C-alpha atoms as a PDB file:
ATOM      1  CA  MET A   1      -4.337 -16.880  22.327  1.00  0.00           C
ATOM      2  CA  GLY A   2      -4.439 -13.349  23.730  1.00  0.00           C
ATOM      3  CA  PRO A   3      -5.400 -10.133  22.004  1.00  0.00           C
ATOM      4  CA  ASP A   4      -3.312  -9.367  18.944  1.00  0.00           C
ATOM      5  CA  SER A   5      -1.467 -12.698  19.397  1.00  0.00           C
ATOM      6  CA  ASN A   6       1.936 -11.089  18.773  1.00  0.00           C
ATOM      7  CA  GLN A   7       0.776 -10.506  15.200  1.00  0.00           C
ATOM      8  CA  GLY A   8       0.500  -6.741  15.310  1.00  0.00           C
ATOM      9  CA  GLY A   9      -2.725  -4.918  14.638  1.00  0.00           C
ATOM     10  CA  LEU A  10      -5.572  -5.461  12.215  1.00  0.00           C
ATOM     11  CA  ALA A  11      -3.441  -4.481   9.224  1.00  0.00           C
ATOM     12  CA  GLU A  12      -0.911  -7.224  10.009  1.00  0.00           C
ATOM     13  CA  ARG A  13      -3.622  -9.831  10.525  1.00  0.00           C
ATOM     14  CA  LEU A  14      -5.314  -8.789   7.301  1.00  0.00           C
ATOM     15  CA  ARG A  15      -2.004  -9.074   5.456  1.00  0.00           C
ATOM     16  CA  LEU A  16      -1.405 -12.504   7.009  1.00  0.00           C
ATOM     17  CA  ALA A  17      -4.868 -13.769   6.027  1.00  0.00           C
ATOM     18  CA  LEU A  18      -4.507 -12.312   2.523  1.00  0.00           C
ATOM     19  CA  GLY A  19      -1.307 -14.285   1.879  1.00  0.00           C
ATOM     20  CA  ASP A  20      -0.461 -14.426  -1.822  1.00  0.00           C
ATOM     21  CA  GLU A  21      -3.920 -13.370  -2.973  1.00  0.00           C
ATOM     22  CA  SER A  22      -4.149 -10.005  -4.697  1.00  0.00           C
ATOM     23  CA  VAL A  23      -6.061  -7.126  -3.155  1.00  0.00           C
ATOM     24  CA  ASN A  24      -8.088  -6.937  -6.372  1.00  0.00           C
ATOM     25  CA  ALA A  25      -9.155 -10.572  -6.027  1.00  0.00           C
ATOM     26  CA  LEU A  26     -10.140 -10.102  -2.375  1.00  0.00           C
ATOM     27  CA  ALA A  27     -12.168  -7.036  -3.315  1.00  0.00           C
ATOM     28  CA  GLY A  28     -14.110  -9.080  -5.850  1.00  0.00           C
ATOM     29  CA  ARG A  29     -14.804 -11.912  -3.412  1.00  0.00           C
ATOM     30  CA  SER A  30     -15.662  -9.769  -0.409  1.00  0.00           C
ATOM     31  CA  GLY A  31     -17.605  -6.904  -1.984  1.00  0.00           C
ATOM     32  CA  VAL A  32     -15.291  -4.397  -0.237  1.00  0.00           C
ATOM     33  CA  ARG A  33     -13.712  -1.838  -2.553  1.00  0.00           C
ATOM     34  CA  GLU A  34     -10.055  -2.375  -3.423  1.00  0.00           C
ATOM     35  CA  SER A  35      -9.208   1.175  -2.343  1.00  0.00           C
ATOM     36  CA  SER A  36     -10.770   0.527   1.080  1.00  0.00           C
ATOM     37  CA  ILE A  37      -8.804  -2.702   1.565  1.00  0.00           C
ATOM     38  CA  ARG A  38      -5.579  -0.880   0.748  1.00  0.00           C
ATOM     39  CA  GLN A  39      -6.477   1.722   3.394  1.00  0.00           C
ATOM     40  CA  TYR A  40      -7.036  -1.053   5.954  1.00  0.00           C
ATOM     41  CA  LEU A  41      -3.664  -2.568   5.046  1.00  0.00           C
ATOM     42  CA  ALA A  42      -2.145   0.864   5.664  1.00  0.00           C
ATOM     43  CA  GLY A  43      -3.674   1.099   9.134  1.00  0.00           C
ATOM     44  CA  SER A  44      -7.255   2.358   8.753  1.00  0.00           C
ATOM     45  CA  ILE A  45      -9.914   0.511  10.758  1.00  0.00           C
ATOM     46  CA  PRO A  46     -12.937  -0.891   8.887  1.00  0.00           C
ATOM     47  CA  GLY A  47     -16.485  -0.638  10.169  1.00  0.00           C
ATOM     48  CA  ALA A  48     -18.176  -3.728  11.542  1.00  0.00           C
ATOM     49  CA  ASP A  49     -19.930  -4.519   8.251  1.00  0.00           C
ATOM     50  CA  LYS A  50     -16.753  -4.328   6.154  1.00  0.00           C
ATOM     51  CA  ALA A  51     -14.782  -6.311   8.735  1.00  0.00           C
ATOM     52  CA  ALA A  52     -17.444  -9.034   8.617  1.00  0.00           C
ATOM     53  CA  GLN A  53     -17.314  -9.137   4.809  1.00  0.00           C
ATOM     54  CA  LEU A  54     -13.523  -9.418   4.803  1.00  0.00           C
ATOM     55  CA  ALA A  55     -13.466 -12.084   7.522  1.00  0.00           C
ATOM     56  CA  ALA A  56     -16.049 -14.166   5.657  1.00  0.00           C
ATOM     57  CA  ALA A  57     -14.175 -13.881   2.349  1.00  0.00           C
ATOM     58  CA  LEU A  58     -10.841 -14.778   3.967  1.00  0.00           C
ATOM     59  CA  GLY A  59     -12.286 -17.644   6.001  1.00  0.00           C
ATOM     60  CA  VAL A  60     -11.091 -16.240   9.322  1.00  0.00           C
ATOM     61  CA  SER A  61     -12.866 -15.349  12.544  1.00  0.00           C
ATOM     62  CA  ILE A  62     -14.035 -11.751  12.689  1.00  0.00           C
ATOM     63  CA  ASP A  63     -12.940 -11.618  16.349  1.00  0.00           C
ATOM     64  CA  TRP A  64      -9.426 -12.690  15.369  1.00  0.00           C
ATOM     65  CA  LEU A  65      -9.270 -10.265  12.461  1.00  0.00           C
ATOM     66  CA  VAL A  66     -10.404  -7.249  14.495  1.00  0.00           C
ATOM     67  CA  THR A  67      -8.898  -7.960  17.930  1.00  0.00           C
ATOM     68  CA  GLY A  68      -6.488 -10.867  17.539  1.00  0.00           C
ATOM     69  CA  ALA A  69      -8.453 -12.825  20.146  1.00  0.00           C
ATOM     70  CA  GLY A  70      -9.678 -16.389  19.742  1.00  0.00           C
ATOM     71  CA  PRO A  71      -8.882 -18.887  16.988  1.00  0.00           C
ATOM     72  CA  LYS A  72      -7.894 -17.560  13.588  1.00  0.00           C
ATOM     73  CA  THR A  73      -9.991 -19.975  11.556  1.00  0.00           C
ATOM     74  CA  ALA A  74     -13.708 -19.419  11.202  1.00  0.00           C
ATOM     75  CA  ASP A  75     -16.099 -22.343  10.860  1.00  0.00           C
ATOM     76  CA  PRO A  76     -18.958 -21.167   8.623  1.00  0.00           C
ATOM     77  CA  LEU A  77     -19.277 -24.440   6.757  1.00  0.00           C
ATOM     78  CA  ALA A  78     -20.372 -27.722   8.272  1.00  0.00           C
ATOM     79  CA  PRO A  79     -20.143 -31.145   6.582  1.00  0.00           C
ATOM     80  CA  VAL A  80     -22.829 -32.130   4.104  1.00  0.00           C
ATOM     81  CA  ALA A  81     -25.877 -32.881   6.229  1.00  0.00           C
ATOM     82  CA  THR A  82     -26.446 -36.605   6.610  1.00  0.00           C
ATOM     83  CA  PRO A  83     -29.458 -38.087   8.422  1.00  0.00           C
ATOM     84  CA  GLU A  84     -27.173 -39.242  11.230  1.00  0.00           C
ATOM     85  CA  LEU A  85     -25.635 -35.802  11.658  1.00  0.00           C
ATOM     86  CA  LEU A  86     -29.035 -34.154  11.582  1.00  0.00           C
ATOM     87  CA  GLU A  87     -30.416 -36.487  14.232  1.00  0.00           C
ATOM     88  CA  ALA A  88     -27.481 -35.646  16.466  1.00  0.00           C
ATOM     89  CA  MET A  89     -28.031 -31.917  15.893  1.00  0.00           C
ATOM     90  CA  VAL A  90     -31.719 -31.974  16.823  1.00  0.00           C
ATOM     91  CA  ALA A  91     -31.544 -34.717  19.462  1.00  0.00           C
ATOM     92  CA  ALA A  92     -31.947 -32.174  22.248  1.00  0.00           C
ATOM     93  CA  THR A  93     -35.395 -31.312  20.914  1.00  0.00           C
ATOM     94  CA  PRO A  94     -37.529 -34.478  20.860  1.00  0.00           C
ATOM     95  CA  GLU A  95     -40.391 -32.970  18.877  1.00  0.00           C
ATOM     96  CA  ARG A  96     -38.035 -31.801  16.114  1.00  0.00           C
ATOM     97  CA  LEU A  97     -36.384 -35.203  16.005  1.00  0.00           C
ATOM     98  CA  ALA A  98     -39.775 -36.875  15.621  1.00  0.00           C
ATOM     99  CA  ALA A  99     -40.670 -34.460  12.837  1.00  0.00           C
ATOM    100  CA  ALA A 100     -37.362 -35.194  11.097  1.00  0.00           C
ATOM    101  CA  ARG A 101     -37.979 -38.925  11.153  1.00  0.00           C
ATOM    102  CA  ALA A 102     -41.541 -38.497   9.899  1.00  0.00           C
ATOM    103  CA  ASP A 103     -40.403 -36.184   7.116  1.00  0.00           C
ATOM    104  CA  ARG A 104     -37.800 -38.667   5.868  1.00  0.00           C
ATOM    105  CA  SER A 105     -40.411 -41.443   5.802  1.00  0.00           C
ATOM    106  CA  ARG A 106     -42.619 -39.605   3.300  1.00  0.00           C
ATOM    107  CA  PRO A 107     -42.291 -40.576  -0.382  1.00  0.00           C
ATOM    108  CA  ARG A 108     -40.306 -38.143  -2.542  1.00  0.00           C
ATOM    109  CA  SER A 109     -40.463 -37.300  -6.210  1.00  0.00           C
ATOM    110  CA  GLN A 110     -37.400 -38.581  -8.017  1.00  0.00           C
ATOM    111  CA  GLY A 111     -34.462 -36.321  -8.787  1.00  0.00           C
ATOM    112  CA  THR A 112     -34.926 -33.589  -6.174  1.00  0.00           C
ATOM    113  CA  PRO A 113     -33.770 -34.252  -2.605  1.00  0.00           C
ATOM    114  CA  GLN A 114     -35.764 -32.435   0.064  1.00  0.00           C
ATOM    115  CA  PRO A 115     -33.960 -30.267   2.608  1.00  0.00           C
ATOM    116  CA  PRO A 116     -33.723 -32.144   5.903  1.00  0.00           C
ATOM    117  CA  PRO A 117     -34.437 -30.190   9.108  1.00  0.00           C
ATOM    118  CA  VAL A 118     -31.520 -28.801  11.080  1.00  0.00           C
ATOM    119  CA  ALA A 119     -31.008 -27.125  14.412  1.00  0.00           C
ATOM    120  CA  GLY A 120     -31.446 -23.386  14.615  1.00  0.00           C
ATOM    121  CA  ASP A 121     -27.710 -22.708  14.463  1.00  0.00           C
ATOM    122  CA  TYR A 122     -27.518 -23.830  10.814  1.00  0.00           C
ATOM    123  CA  VAL A 123     -29.247 -23.185   7.508  1.00  0.00           C
ATOM    124  CA  LEU A 124     -29.224 -25.607   4.604  1.00  0.00           C
ATOM    125  CA  VAL A 125     -28.301 -24.293   1.172  1.00  0.00           C
ATOM    126  CA  PRO A 126     -29.177 -26.384  -1.907  1.00  0.00           C
ATOM    127  CA  ARG A 127     -26.451 -27.310  -4.390  1.00  0.00           C
ATOM    128  CA  PHE A 128     -27.573 -27.415  -8.017  1.00  0.00           C
ATOM    129  CA  ASN A 129     -26.020 -29.547 -10.731  1.00  0.00           C
ATOM    130  CA  VAL A 130     -25.533 -26.563 -13.050  1.00  0.00           C
ATOM    131  CA  GLU A 131     -22.266 -24.792 -13.718  1.00  0.00           C
ATOM    132  CA  ALA A 132     -21.680 -21.057 -13.938  1.00  0.00           C
ATOM    133  CA  SER A 133     -19.221 -20.361 -16.659  1.00  0.00           C
ATOM    134  CA  ALA A 134     -15.992 -18.700 -16.111  1.00  0.00           C
ATOM    135  CA  GLY A 135     -15.882 -20.032 -19.751  1.00  0.00           C
ATOM    136  CA  HIS A 136     -18.638 -22.455 -20.721  1.00  0.00           C
ATOM    137  CA  GLY A 137     -21.548 -23.141 -18.390  1.00  0.00           C
ATOM    138  CA  ALA A 138     -25.210 -23.653 -19.014  1.00  0.00           C
ATOM    139  CA  TRP A 139     -28.471 -23.370 -17.156  1.00  0.00           C
ATOM    140  CA  ASN A 140     -30.452 -26.133 -18.779  1.00  0.00           C
ATOM    141  CA  ASP A 141     -33.330 -28.541 -18.244  1.00  0.00           C
ATOM    142  CA  ARG A 142     -31.155 -30.866 -16.172  1.00  0.00           C
ATOM    143  CA  GLU A 143     -30.883 -28.385 -13.314  1.00  0.00           C
ATOM    144  CA  GLN A 144     -31.904 -29.874  -9.999  1.00  0.00           C
ATOM    145  CA  VAL A 145     -30.912 -29.943  -6.384  1.00  0.00           C
ATOM    146  CA  VAL A 146     -28.352 -32.678  -5.817  1.00  0.00           C
ATOM    147  CA  ASP A 147     -27.664 -32.170  -2.111  1.00  0.00           C
ATOM    148  CA  PHE A 148     -27.470 -29.585   0.652  1.00  0.00           C
ATOM    149  CA  MET A 149     -24.666 -27.989   2.629  1.00  0.00           C
ATOM    150  CA  ALA A 150     -25.039 -26.536   6.107  1.00  0.00           C
ATOM    151  CA  PHE A 151     -23.794 -23.036   6.915  1.00  0.00           C
ATOM    152  CA  ARG A 152     -23.874 -21.364  10.294  1.00  0.00           C
ATOM    153  CA  ALA A 153     -26.978 -19.169  10.489  1.00  0.00           C
ATOM    154  CA  ASP A 154     -25.191 -16.376  12.375  1.00  0.00           C
ATOM    155  CA  TRP A 155     -22.537 -16.220   9.612  1.00  0.00           C
ATOM    156  CA  VAL A 156     -25.230 -15.961   6.938  1.00  0.00           C
ATOM    157  CA  ARG A 157     -26.965 -13.163   8.829  1.00  0.00           C
ATOM    158  CA  ARG A 158     -23.876 -11.231   9.946  1.00  0.00           C
ATOM    159  CA  ALA A 159     -21.512 -11.595   7.015  1.00  0.00           C
ATOM    160  CA  LEU A 160     -23.917 -11.916   4.092  1.00  0.00           C
ATOM    161  CA  GLY A 161     -27.016 -10.095   5.289  1.00  0.00           C
ATOM    162  CA  ALA A 162     -28.876 -12.460   2.971  1.00  0.00           C
ATOM    163  CA  ASP A 163     -32.180 -14.324   3.065  1.00  0.00           C
ATOM    164  CA  PRO A 164     -31.185 -17.999   3.588  1.00  0.00           C
ATOM    165  CA  ASN A 165     -34.064 -19.036   1.331  1.00  0.00           C
ATOM    166  CA  GLN A 166     -32.457 -17.185  -1.587  1.00  0.00           C
ATOM    167  CA  LEU A 167     -29.016 -18.781  -1.340  1.00  0.00           C
ATOM    168  CA  ALA A 168     -27.831 -21.433  -3.798  1.00  0.00           C
ATOM    169  CA  LEU A 169     -24.616 -23.321  -4.493  1.00  0.00           C
ATOM    170  CA  ILE A 170     -23.323 -23.986  -8.001  1.00  0.00           C
ATOM    171  CA  ALA A 171     -19.956 -24.950  -9.482  1.00  0.00           C
ATOM    172  CA  ALA A 172     -17.728 -22.741 -11.620  1.00  0.00           C
ATOM    173  CA  ALA A 173     -16.443 -23.846 -15.010  1.00  0.00           C
ATOM    174  CA  GLY A 174     -13.819 -22.452 -17.373  1.00  0.00           C
ATOM    175  CA  ASP A 175     -10.853 -20.174 -16.758  1.00  0.00           C
ATOM    176  CA  SER A 176     -12.016 -16.632 -17.478  1.00  0.00           C
ATOM    177  CA  MET A 177     -12.073 -15.669 -13.774  1.00  0.00           C
ATOM    178  CA  GLU A 178      -8.738 -17.230 -12.814  1.00  0.00           C
ATOM    179  CA  PRO A 179      -6.992 -16.806 -10.472  1.00  0.00           C
ATOM    180  CA  SER A 180      -9.898 -15.520  -8.347  1.00  0.00           C
ATOM    181  CA  ILE A 181     -12.291 -18.311  -9.352  1.00  0.00           C
ATOM    182  CA  ARG A 182     -11.123 -21.633 -10.764  1.00  0.00           C
ATOM    183  CA  ALA A 183     -12.981 -24.401 -12.548  1.00  0.00           C
ATOM    184  CA  GLY A 184     -14.649 -26.625  -9.973  1.00  0.00           C
ATOM    185  CA  ASP A 185     -14.879 -23.962  -7.280  1.00  0.00           C
ATOM    186  CA  LEU A 186     -18.123 -23.995  -5.324  1.00  0.00           C
ATOM    187  CA  LEU A 187     -19.911 -20.645  -5.515  1.00  0.00           C
ATOM    188  CA  LEU A 188     -22.409 -19.451  -2.910  1.00  0.00           C
ATOM    189  CA  ILE A 189     -24.883 -17.249  -4.777  1.00  0.00           C
ATOM    190  CA  ASP A 190     -27.357 -14.738  -3.341  1.00  0.00           C
ATOM    191  CA  THR A 191     -30.161 -15.077  -5.885  1.00  0.00           C
ATOM    192  CA  GLY A 192     -32.047 -12.261  -4.187  1.00  0.00           C
ATOM    193  CA  VAL A 193     -29.684  -9.837  -5.950  1.00  0.00           C
ATOM    194  CA  THR A 194     -31.245  -9.324  -9.377  1.00  0.00           C
ATOM    195  CA  ARG A 195     -29.488  -6.147 -10.482  1.00  0.00           C
ATOM    196  CA  VAL A 196     -26.011  -4.670 -10.301  1.00  0.00           C
ATOM    197  CA  ILE A 197     -25.862  -2.691  -7.074  1.00  0.00           C
ATOM    198  CA  ASP A 198     -22.139  -2.069  -6.725  1.00  0.00           C
ATOM    199  CA  ASP A 199     -18.819  -3.311  -8.052  1.00  0.00           C
ATOM    200  CA  ALA A 200     -18.741  -7.051  -7.348  1.00  0.00           C
ATOM    201  CA  VAL A 201     -18.762 -10.519  -8.935  1.00  0.00           C
ATOM    202  CA  TYR A 202     -22.155 -11.533 -10.318  1.00  0.00           C
ATOM    203  CA  VAL A 203     -23.723 -14.501 -12.064  1.00  0.00           C
ATOM    204  CA  LEU A 204     -25.222 -13.224 -15.308  1.00  0.00           C
ATOM    205  CA  LEU A 205     -27.748 -14.999 -17.500  1.00  0.00           C
ATOM    206  CA  SER A 206     -26.980 -14.768 -21.215  1.00  0.00           C
ATOM    207  CA  GLY A 207     -29.331 -16.874 -23.302  1.00  0.00           C
ATOM    208  CA  SER A 208     -29.006 -20.350 -21.807  1.00  0.00           C
ATOM    209  CA  GLU A 209     -25.607 -19.636 -20.234  1.00  0.00           C
ATOM    210  CA  LEU A 210     -24.705 -18.580 -16.725  1.00  0.00           C
ATOM    211  CA  LEU A 211     -21.616 -16.374 -16.718  1.00  0.00           C
ATOM    212  CA  VAL A 212     -19.540 -15.428 -13.679  1.00  0.00           C
ATOM    213  CA  LYS A 213     -18.099 -11.969 -14.252  1.00  0.00           C
ATOM    214  CA  ARG A 214     -16.818  -8.974 -12.373  1.00  0.00           C
ATOM    215  CA  VAL A 215     -19.068  -5.988 -13.041  1.00  0.00           C
ATOM    216  CA  GLN A 216     -18.076  -2.351 -12.620  1.00  0.00           C
ATOM    217  CA  LYS A 217     -20.865   0.212 -12.371  1.00  0.00           C
ATOM    218  CA  PHE A 218     -20.500   3.862 -13.415  1.00  0.00           C
ATOM    219  CA  LEU A 219     -22.469   6.918 -12.307  1.00  0.00           C
ATOM    220  CA  SER A 220     -23.939   7.200 -15.808  1.00  0.00           C
ATOM    221  CA  GLY A 221     -25.524   3.767 -15.432  1.00  0.00           C
ATOM    222  CA  ALA A 222     -23.064   2.193 -17.853  1.00  0.00           C
ATOM    223  CA  LEU A 223     -21.428  -1.115 -16.926  1.00  0.00           C
ATOM    224  CA  THR A 224     -18.163  -2.829 -17.712  1.00  0.00           C
ATOM    225  CA  ILE A 225     -18.206  -6.629 -17.565  1.00  0.00           C
ATOM    226  CA  LYS A 226     -14.730  -7.964 -16.893  1.00  0.00           C
ATOM    227  CA  SER A 227     -12.871 -11.245 -16.467  1.00  0.00           C
ATOM    228  CA  ASP A 228      -9.988 -11.557 -14.035  1.00  0.00           C
ATOM    229  CA  ASN A 229      -8.089 -13.554 -16.641  1.00  0.00           C
ATOM    230  CA  PRO A 230      -6.424 -10.922 -18.890  1.00  0.00           C
ATOM    231  CA  ALA A 231      -6.817 -13.227 -21.886  1.00  0.00           C
ATOM    232  CA  TYR A 232     -10.500 -12.270 -21.984  1.00  0.00           C
ATOM    233  CA  ALA A 233     -11.483  -8.802 -23.221  1.00  0.00           C
ATOM    234  CA  PRO A 234     -13.907  -6.662 -21.170  1.00  0.00           C
ATOM    235  CA  GLU A 235     -17.326  -5.740 -22.528  1.00  0.00           C
ATOM    236  CA  ASN A 236     -18.777  -2.268 -22.103  1.00  0.00           C
ATOM    237  CA  LEU A 237     -22.522  -1.732 -21.862  1.00  0.00           C
ATOM    238  CA  THR A 238     -24.278   1.592 -22.392  1.00  0.00           C
ATOM    239  CA  PRO A 239     -26.855   2.631 -19.772  1.00  0.00           C
ATOM    240  CA  ALA A 240     -29.617   1.413 -22.099  1.00  0.00           C
ATOM    241  CA  GLU A 241     -27.897  -1.938 -22.620  1.00  0.00           C
ATOM    242  CA  ALA A 242     -27.228  -2.223 -18.896  1.00  0.00           C
ATOM    243  CA  GLU A 243     -30.969  -2.035 -18.224  1.00  0.00           C
ATOM    244  CA  THR A 244     -31.458  -5.286 -20.141  1.00  0.00           C
ATOM    245  CA  LEU A 245     -28.725  -7.186 -18.296  1.00  0.00           C
ATOM    246  CA  CYS A 246     -30.151 -10.263 -16.553  1.00  0.00           C
ATOM    247  CA  VAL A 247     -28.539 -10.824 -13.149  1.00  0.00           C
ATOM    248  CA  ALA A 248     -29.065 -14.296 -11.661  1.00  0.00           C
ATOM    249  CA  GLY A 249     -27.331 -13.457  -8.383  1.00  0.00           C
ATOM    250  CA  ARG A 250     -24.213 -12.184  -6.662  1.00  0.00           C
ATOM    251  CA  VAL A 251     -21.288 -14.407  -5.699  1.00  0.00           C
ATOM    252  CA  ARG A 252     -20.814 -14.116  -1.927  1.00  0.00           C
ATOM    253  CA  TRP A 253     -18.448 -16.982  -1.041  1.00  0.00           C
ATOM    254  CA  ILE A 254     -16.078 -19.340  -2.818  1.00  0.00           C
ATOM    255  CA  GLY A 255     -15.091 -22.822  -1.659  1.00  0.00           C
ATOM    256  CA  ARG A 256     -12.324 -24.901  -3.204  1.00  0.00           C
ATOM    257  CA  LEU A 257     -10.030 -27.847  -2.654  1.00  0.00           C
ATOM    258  CA  ILE A 258      -6.383 -27.002  -2.070  1.00  0.00           C
END
């Protein structure tokens, strides 16, 4: 597939990758402002950081999005790491393979799987058995790691700019963020984000509930907490109230069955 692949420039490829999704929804998932995305669709060229954010959110290769070269589909997500897969990944490094086998032979406390070692190209992100409510979710005493999913390390560094040790996967529940986020969607959360930095989708802690909401920040320090589903009313927080808001993390990626 040559450059531009007969699909026009970046604006055309962005429009193709966007499909039926709204620009507003893409803005929430990518962290790129809606006004900026509309400028890119009109022909403006994004910087490398914004292009990486958009490519990651759309699940396409950044090279394809920017230049049209290479395959369209990105591959940030690998299958759930099994012992057999992990052995194959580290087989080229005998000492790491030996360490992997020794680690799996150690006794484990019940209920919390331990992250198996992987090759340097991947990082393992734990998936917790809690749900973040786009309606009714709870962070309760049953929270635990149930398994791990492998993401390409270069994608985590380039697209997310996040510390791999502060990433977590949880499921969404409810319908307040539809159509952007649906019940059962897998959410990749950067738990290193503990305050509202810019307009984006965050996981908020309210009592014992985790809430997934879009948050808009104003120059005054006030916040508006919104749902993408128009059936849910927004909530406005004064600057003083905003200071008490408990942010559990920022949603950086969404995975779902289609």
